Amino acid sequence: MKVFLTGANGVMGRSAATALLEAGHDVVGLVRTAEAARVVAELGVEPWFGDLYDETALAAGMLGCDAVVNFATKVPVGATSVSYAQFRSHDRLRVAGTRIAAQAACRASVGRFVQQSVSFIYADHGEEIVDEDSPTAVSRFSEPVVVSETHVRNATLAGLDGVVLRFGLIVGPDPHSAWLLKRARSGKPVGVGAREAWCHVVHPEDVGTAAAAALGAPAGTYNVGAEPLRRGELADTYAHAVGRREGVLHHRLVQRSVGHKIEWLSRSQRVSSQRFQAATGWQPRHPKAVPEWFDDLVRV
């Protein structure tokens, strides 16, 4: 298949490009700068200069493609990740960018549209297993995610095969994990919520292999990630990677003071990827979060 990939030079995009090429697909990557073009070309991707908000230019780039993988993101890193202002660009990518990309795909007669999403939108389900039918709980931060998914469902009704991948938190060789490792090394908090609450994570490499697998999935929404683990276990994983005995979560008093900004990141979400695995045969190469996920970052 020939695949048009947005966000091609980002963490998710590079992983997707690598996996798609390994699976034998041809990849055209949307880029805006010469440096981004150089990065994707080195991977074996054909650069396409354009803007995600220019539907006509996007449609031109998508002509002749069999599928679109929309992995364009601009997630804030570090303390700014709970700032409304810092999320504006990312929110625009989800709300306007997804709509325009899906419309462009329809104009170019592309058959399949794969959209990145996140599993954080589920409500707090305690000890219950969370699947794709579990209730969500929309917050100010997660509303753009829901709007983005709605654009894909609308495009599916218009004849596009839309696939939404609800990824867990990206953990491993990525900028936000690098920031958290620095905090863990200093004994600072690396997460929010109760230690016994469940969380959902995914290794960057598995983001890419899931994108490749999604090309053969029935239209629909799927959870994608490693085995769920306790928030305390994840904090300990960061700590063990840098030689500390135990990870630290923010004190509950701190969490209450900025509750509306971080509540959606503190929920207990024991998310299952079983439906995606059954539909595609996909299996994570990194099934359980371990300190070795951070080896590349620790060696730097």
Protein backbone atom coordinates (compact mmCIF):
# COMPACT_ATOMS: atom_id res chain seq x y z
CA MET A 1 0.00 0.00 0.00
CA LYS A 2 0.97 3.62 -0.43
CA VAL A 3 0.51 5.54 2.83
CA PHE A 4 0.39 9.30 3.44
CA LEU A 5 1.78 10.03 6.92
CA THR A 6 1.33 13.28 8.84
CA GLY A 7 3.59 14.12 11.76
CA ALA A 8 6.21 12.09 9.92
CA ASN A 9 9.23 13.57 11.70
CA GLY A 10 7.82 13.31 15.25
CA VAL A 11 8.28 10.48 17.75
CA MET A 12 5.10 8.72 16.67
CA GLY A 13 5.60 9.51 12.99
CA ARG A 14 9.15 8.17 12.81
CA SER A 15 8.06 4.99 14.55
CA ALA A 16 5.12 4.59 12.17
CA ALA A 17 7.30 5.27 9.13
CA THR A 18 9.81 2.62 10.21
CA ALA A 19 7.13 0.00 10.82
CA LEU A 20 5.24 0.78 7.61
CA LEU A 21 8.40 0.52 5.53
CA GLU A 22 9.38 -2.73 7.26
CA ALA A 23 5.94 -4.08 6.35
CA GLY A 24 6.62 -3.32 2.67
CA HIS A 25 4.51 -0.17 2.27
CA ASP A 26 5.51 2.99 0.43
CA VAL A 27 5.33 6.08 2.65
CA VAL A 28 4.84 9.74 1.76
CA GLY A 29 5.53 12.01 4.75
CA LEU A 30 4.05 15.47 5.26
CA VAL A 31 6.79 17.95 6.23
CA ARG A 32 7.06 21.72 6.57
CA THR A 33 10.81 22.31 6.75
CA ALA A 34 13.95 21.18 4.96
CA GLU A 35 15.25 19.67 8.21
CA ALA A 36 12.09 17.59 8.63
CA ALA A 37 12.39 16.48 5.01
CA ARG A 38 15.97 15.37 5.64
CA VAL A 39 14.91 13.37 8.73
CA VAL A 40 12.13 11.47 6.96
CA ALA A 41 14.15 10.95 3.78
CA GLU A 42 16.86 9.22 5.81
CA LEU A 43 14.21 6.78 6.99
CA GLY A 44 13.22 6.01 3.40
CA VAL A 45 10.12 8.21 3.32
CA GLU A 46 9.25 10.45 0.38
CA PRO A 47 8.87 14.01 1.77
CA TRP A 48 5.82 16.04 0.77
CA PHE A 49 6.00 19.73 1.63
CA GLY A 50 2.69 21.09 2.82
CA ASP A 51 0.55 22.30 5.70
CA LEU A 52 -1.98 20.22 7.61
CA TYR A 53 -4.43 23.13 7.47
CA ASP A 54 -4.32 23.43 3.66
CA GLU A 55 -6.92 20.93 2.45
CA THR A 56 -6.18 21.43 -1.24
CA ALA A 57 -2.45 20.86 -0.82
CA LEU A 58 -3.08 17.85 1.42
CA ALA A 59 -5.45 16.28 -1.09
CA ALA A 60 -2.82 16.74 -3.80
CA GLY A 61 -0.25 14.93 -1.66
CA MET A 62 -2.69 12.13 -0.92
CA LEU A 63 -3.55 11.42 -4.57
CA GLY A 64 -2.68 7.85 -5.38
CA CYS A 65 -2.42 6.84 -1.72
CA ASP A 66 -4.37 3.93 -0.31
CA ALA A 67 -4.34 5.12 3.31
CA VAL A 68 -3.63 8.11 5.54
CA VAL A 69 -2.05 7.80 8.98
CA ASN A 70 -2.69 11.06 10.85
CA PHE A 71 -0.08 11.22 13.59
CA ALA A 72 0.42 15.00 13.68
CA THR A 73 0.83 16.11 17.31
CA LYS A 74 2.43 18.90 19.30
CA VAL A 75 2.25 17.66 22.88
CA PRO A 76 3.85 20.01 25.47
CA VAL A 77 6.75 18.50 27.40
CA GLY A 78 7.40 18.82 31.12
CA ALA A 79 5.53 21.08 33.53
CA THR A 80 3.83 22.88 30.63
CA SER A 81 1.92 19.69 29.82
CA VAL A 82 -0.85 20.80 32.19
CA SER A 83 -1.08 24.33 30.77
CA TYR A 84 -4.13 25.25 28.71
CA ALA A 85 -2.09 27.82 26.78
CA GLN A 86 0.62 25.34 25.84
CA PHE A 87 -1.98 22.86 24.61
CA ARG A 88 -3.58 25.29 22.12
CA SER A 89 -1.45 24.27 19.15
CA HIS A 90 -1.95 20.60 19.93
CA ASP A 91 -5.70 21.07 20.38
CA ARG A 92 -5.90 22.83 17.02
CA LEU A 93 -4.19 19.87 15.38
CA ARG A 94 -6.81 17.57 16.86
CA VAL A 95 -9.88 19.70 16.21
CA ALA A 96 -9.15 21.48 12.92
CA GLY A 97 -6.26 19.38 11.66
CA THR A 98 -8.08 16.05 11.89
CA ARG A 99 -11.17 17.46 10.18
CA ILE A 100 -9.16 18.94 7.30
CA ALA A 101 -7.01 15.82 6.89
CA ALA A 102 -10.09 13.58 6.78
CA GLN A 103 -11.78 15.87 4.25
CA ALA A 104 -8.64 15.88 2.11
CA ALA A 105 -8.54 12.08 2.23
CA CYS A 106 -12.12 11.93 0.99
CA ARG A 107 -11.31 14.38 -1.83
CA ALA A 108 -8.31 12.27 -2.85
CA SER A 109 -10.41 9.07 -2.77
CA VAL A 110 -8.19 7.48 -0.14
CA GLY A 111 -9.75 4.33 1.23
CA ARG A 112 -8.49 4.26 4.82
CA PHE A 113 -7.82 6.86 7.53
CA VAL A 114 -5.95 5.96 10.73
CA GLN A 115 -6.18 8.53 13.53
CA GLN A 116 -4.07 8.77 16.66
CA SER A 117 -6.02 9.19 19.92
CA VAL A 118 -5.45 8.52 23.62
CA SER A 119 -6.98 6.25 26.24
CA PHE A 120 -6.92 9.00 28.91
CA ILE A 121 -10.47 9.93 27.90
CA TYR A 122 -11.97 6.96 29.74
CA ALA A 123 -13.64 7.60 33.07
CA ASP A 124 -12.11 6.31 36.29
CA HIS A 125 -13.07 2.63 36.39
CA GLY A 126 -11.23 1.52 39.49
CA GLU A 127 -10.33 -2.17 39.27
CA GLU A 128 -12.59 -2.86 36.26
CA ILE A 129 -11.13 -3.81 32.88
CA VAL A 130 -11.60 -0.94 30.42
CA ASP A 131 -12.49 -1.78 26.83
CA GLU A 132 -13.66 0.31 23.90
CA ASP A 133 -17.27 0.24 25.13
CA SER A 134 -16.42 1.62 28.57
CA PRO A 135 -17.77 5.10 29.38
CA THR A 136 -15.54 8.12 28.82
CA ALA A 137 -15.43 11.30 30.90
CA VAL A 138 -14.74 14.50 28.99
CA SER A 139 -12.64 17.27 30.52
CA ARG A 140 -11.27 20.57 29.21
CA PHE A 141 -8.06 18.80 28.19
CA SER A 142 -9.67 15.73 26.64
CA GLU A 143 -12.51 17.45 24.76
CA PRO A 144 -10.36 18.02 21.61
CA VAL A 145 -9.60 14.29 21.58
CA VAL A 146 -13.31 13.48 21.50
CA VAL A 147 -13.90 16.04 18.74
CA SER A 148 -11.05 14.52 16.72
CA GLU A 149 -12.55 11.05 17.00
CA THR A 150 -15.93 12.45 15.96
CA HIS A 151 -14.40 13.83 12.74
CA VAL A 152 -13.14 10.34 11.90
CA ARG A 153 -16.52 8.76 12.60
CA ASN A 154 -18.20 11.36 10.38
CA ALA A 155 -15.72 10.60 7.61
CA THR A 156 -16.49 6.90 8.02
CA LEU A 157 -20.17 7.62 7.51
CA ALA A 158 -19.15 9.42 4.31
CA GLY A 159 -17.46 6.29 2.99
CA LEU A 160 -13.93 6.41 4.45
CA ASP A 161 -12.70 3.42 6.47
CA GLY A 162 -11.82 5.23 9.69
CA VAL A 163 -9.69 3.60 12.39
CA VAL A 164 -9.07 5.34 15.71
CA LEU A 165 -6.18 4.11 17.87
CA ARG A 166 -6.47 5.05 21.55
CA PHE A 167 -2.87 4.81 22.68
CA GLY A 168 -1.69 4.74 26.26
CA LEU A 169 0.84 7.24 27.58
CA ILE A 170 3.98 7.07 25.44
CA VAL A 171 6.78 5.83 27.69
CA GLY A 172 10.34 5.13 26.57
CA PRO A 173 12.75 7.03 24.32
CA ASP A 174 10.75 10.26 23.97
CA PRO A 175 11.16 13.83 25.28
CA HIS A 176 8.55 13.65 28.07
CA SER A 177 10.03 10.43 29.45
CA ALA A 178 13.47 12.08 29.40
CA TRP A 179 12.08 14.94 31.50
CA LEU A 180 10.50 12.51 33.96
CA LEU A 181 13.74 10.56 34.30
CA LYS A 182 15.55 13.75 35.31
CA ARG A 183 12.92 14.30 37.99
CA ALA A 184 13.18 10.70 39.16
CA ARG A 185 16.96 11.00 39.45
CA SER A 186 16.45 14.00 41.78
CA GLY A 187 13.80 12.22 43.83
CA LYS A 188 11.02 14.47 42.54
CA PRO A 189 7.45 13.32 41.75
CA VAL A 190 6.97 11.70 38.35
CA GLY A 191 3.21 11.25 38.28
CA VAL A 192 -0.20 11.94 39.78
CA GLY A 193 -2.97 9.82 41.23
CA ALA A 194 -3.00 7.05 43.79
CA ARG A 195 -0.22 4.44 43.71
CA GLU A 196 -2.81 1.66 43.47
CA ALA A 197 -4.64 3.26 40.51
CA TRP A 198 -4.19 1.67 37.08
CA CYS A 199 -2.61 3.34 34.05
CA HIS A 200 -2.12 2.55 30.38
CA VAL A 201 1.22 2.99 28.59
CA VAL A 202 2.76 2.19 25.22
CA HIS A 203 6.34 2.00 23.97
CA PRO A 204 7.07 4.26 20.94
CA GLU A 205 8.06 1.26 18.81
CA ASP A 206 4.65 -0.31 19.41
CA VAL A 207 2.95 2.88 18.24
CA GLY A 208 4.51 2.27 14.86
CA THR A 209 3.71 -1.43 14.59
CA ALA A 210 0.11 -0.67 15.60
CA ALA A 211 -0.16 1.88 12.79
CA ALA A 212 0.97 -0.76 10.31
CA ALA A 213 -1.47 -3.32 11.74
CA ALA A 214 -4.32 -0.79 11.62
CA LEU A 215 -4.17 -0.80 7.82
CA GLY A 216 -5.85 -4.19 7.94
CA ALA A 217 -8.26 -3.59 10.82
CA PRO A 218 -12.02 -3.25 10.40
CA ALA A 219 -13.18 0.35 10.75
CA GLY A 220 -13.66 1.29 14.39
CA THR A 221 -11.99 2.38 17.60
CA TYR A 222 -9.28 0.37 19.35
CA ASN A 223 -7.19 0.58 22.50
CA VAL A 224 -3.46 0.08 21.95
CA GLY A 225 -0.79 -0.40 24.58
CA ALA A 226 1.18 -2.63 26.89
CA GLU A 227 -0.21 -4.49 29.89
CA PRO A 228 -1.85 -2.06 32.33
CA LEU A 229 0.12 -1.37 35.49
CA ARG A 230 -0.36 0.50 38.77
CA ARG A 231 0.64 4.17 38.82
CA GLY A 232 3.00 3.37 41.66
CA GLU A 233 4.62 0.66 39.55
CA LEU A 234 5.15 3.11 36.70
CA ALA A 235 6.73 5.63 39.08
CA ASP A 236 9.01 2.88 40.38
CA THR A 237 9.96 1.95 36.81
CA TYR A 238 11.23 5.49 36.21
CA ALA A 239 13.09 5.40 39.53
CA HIS A 240 14.72 2.00 38.95
CA ALA A 241 15.95 3.15 35.53
CA VAL A 242 18.07 5.83 37.23
CA GLY A 243 19.17 3.77 40.22
CA ARG A 244 16.60 4.87 42.80
CA ARG A 245 14.66 2.45 44.96
CA GLU A 246 11.17 3.92 44.70
CA GLY A 247 9.35 6.44 42.53
CA VAL A 248 7.39 9.38 43.95
CA LEU A 249 3.92 10.63 43.03
CA HIS A 250 2.68 14.13 43.76
CA HIS A 251 1.13 14.54 47.20
CA ARG A 252 -2.65 14.53 47.19
CA LEU A 253 -2.74 18.08 48.55
CA VAL A 254 -0.81 19.26 45.48
CA GLN A 255 -3.15 17.31 43.25
CA ARG A 256 -6.18 18.97 44.83
CA SER A 257 -4.74 22.45 44.27
CA VAL A 258 -4.60 21.94 40.48
CA GLY A 259 -7.17 19.18 40.30
CA HIS A 260 -9.08 20.25 37.22
CA LYS A 261 -5.86 20.30 35.18
CA ILE A 262 -4.54 16.87 36.13
CA GLU A 263 -7.66 14.93 37.12
CA TRP A 264 -7.84 13.18 33.76
CA LEU A 265 -4.23 12.00 34.22
CA SER A 266 -4.89 10.51 37.65
CA ARG A 267 -7.84 8.24 36.87
CA SER A 268 -7.66 4.49 37.36
CA GLN A 269 -7.77 3.03 33.84
CA ARG A 270 -7.06 -0.69 33.47
CA VAL A 271 -7.18 -0.57 29.71
CA SER A 272 -7.25 -3.71 27.57
CA SER A 273 -5.91 -3.91 24.00
CA GLN A 274 -7.52 -7.31 23.40
CA ARG A 275 -9.97 -6.10 20.73
CA PHE A 276 -7.20 -4.69 18.53
CA GLN A 277 -5.08 -7.80 19.00
CA ALA A 278 -8.00 -10.04 18.02
CA ALA A 279 -8.88 -7.93 14.98
CA THR A 280 -5.36 -7.65 13.57
CA GLY A 281 -3.07 -10.20 15.21
CA TRP A 282 -0.95 -7.33 16.54
CA GLN A 283 1.13 -8.01 19.63
CA PRO A 284 3.28 -5.40 21.41
CA ARG A 285 7.01 -5.95 21.10
CA HIS A 286 7.22 -4.35 24.53
CA PRO A 287 4.35 -5.96 26.47
CA LYS A 288 5.28 -4.79 29.97
CA ALA A 289 6.84 -1.51 31.15
CA VAL A 290 10.34 -2.16 32.50
CA PRO A 291 13.36 0.06 33.25
CA GLU A 292 15.04 -1.15 30.05
CA TRP A 293 12.55 0.92 28.06
CA PHE A 294 14.70 3.92 29.05
CA ASP A 295 18.12 2.50 28.24
CA ASP A 296 18.71 4.89 25.33
CA LEU A 297 17.86 7.88 27.54
CA VAL A 298 19.89 6.75 30.54
CA ARG A 299 23.00 6.23 28.41
CA VAL A 300 22.86 9.83 27.14
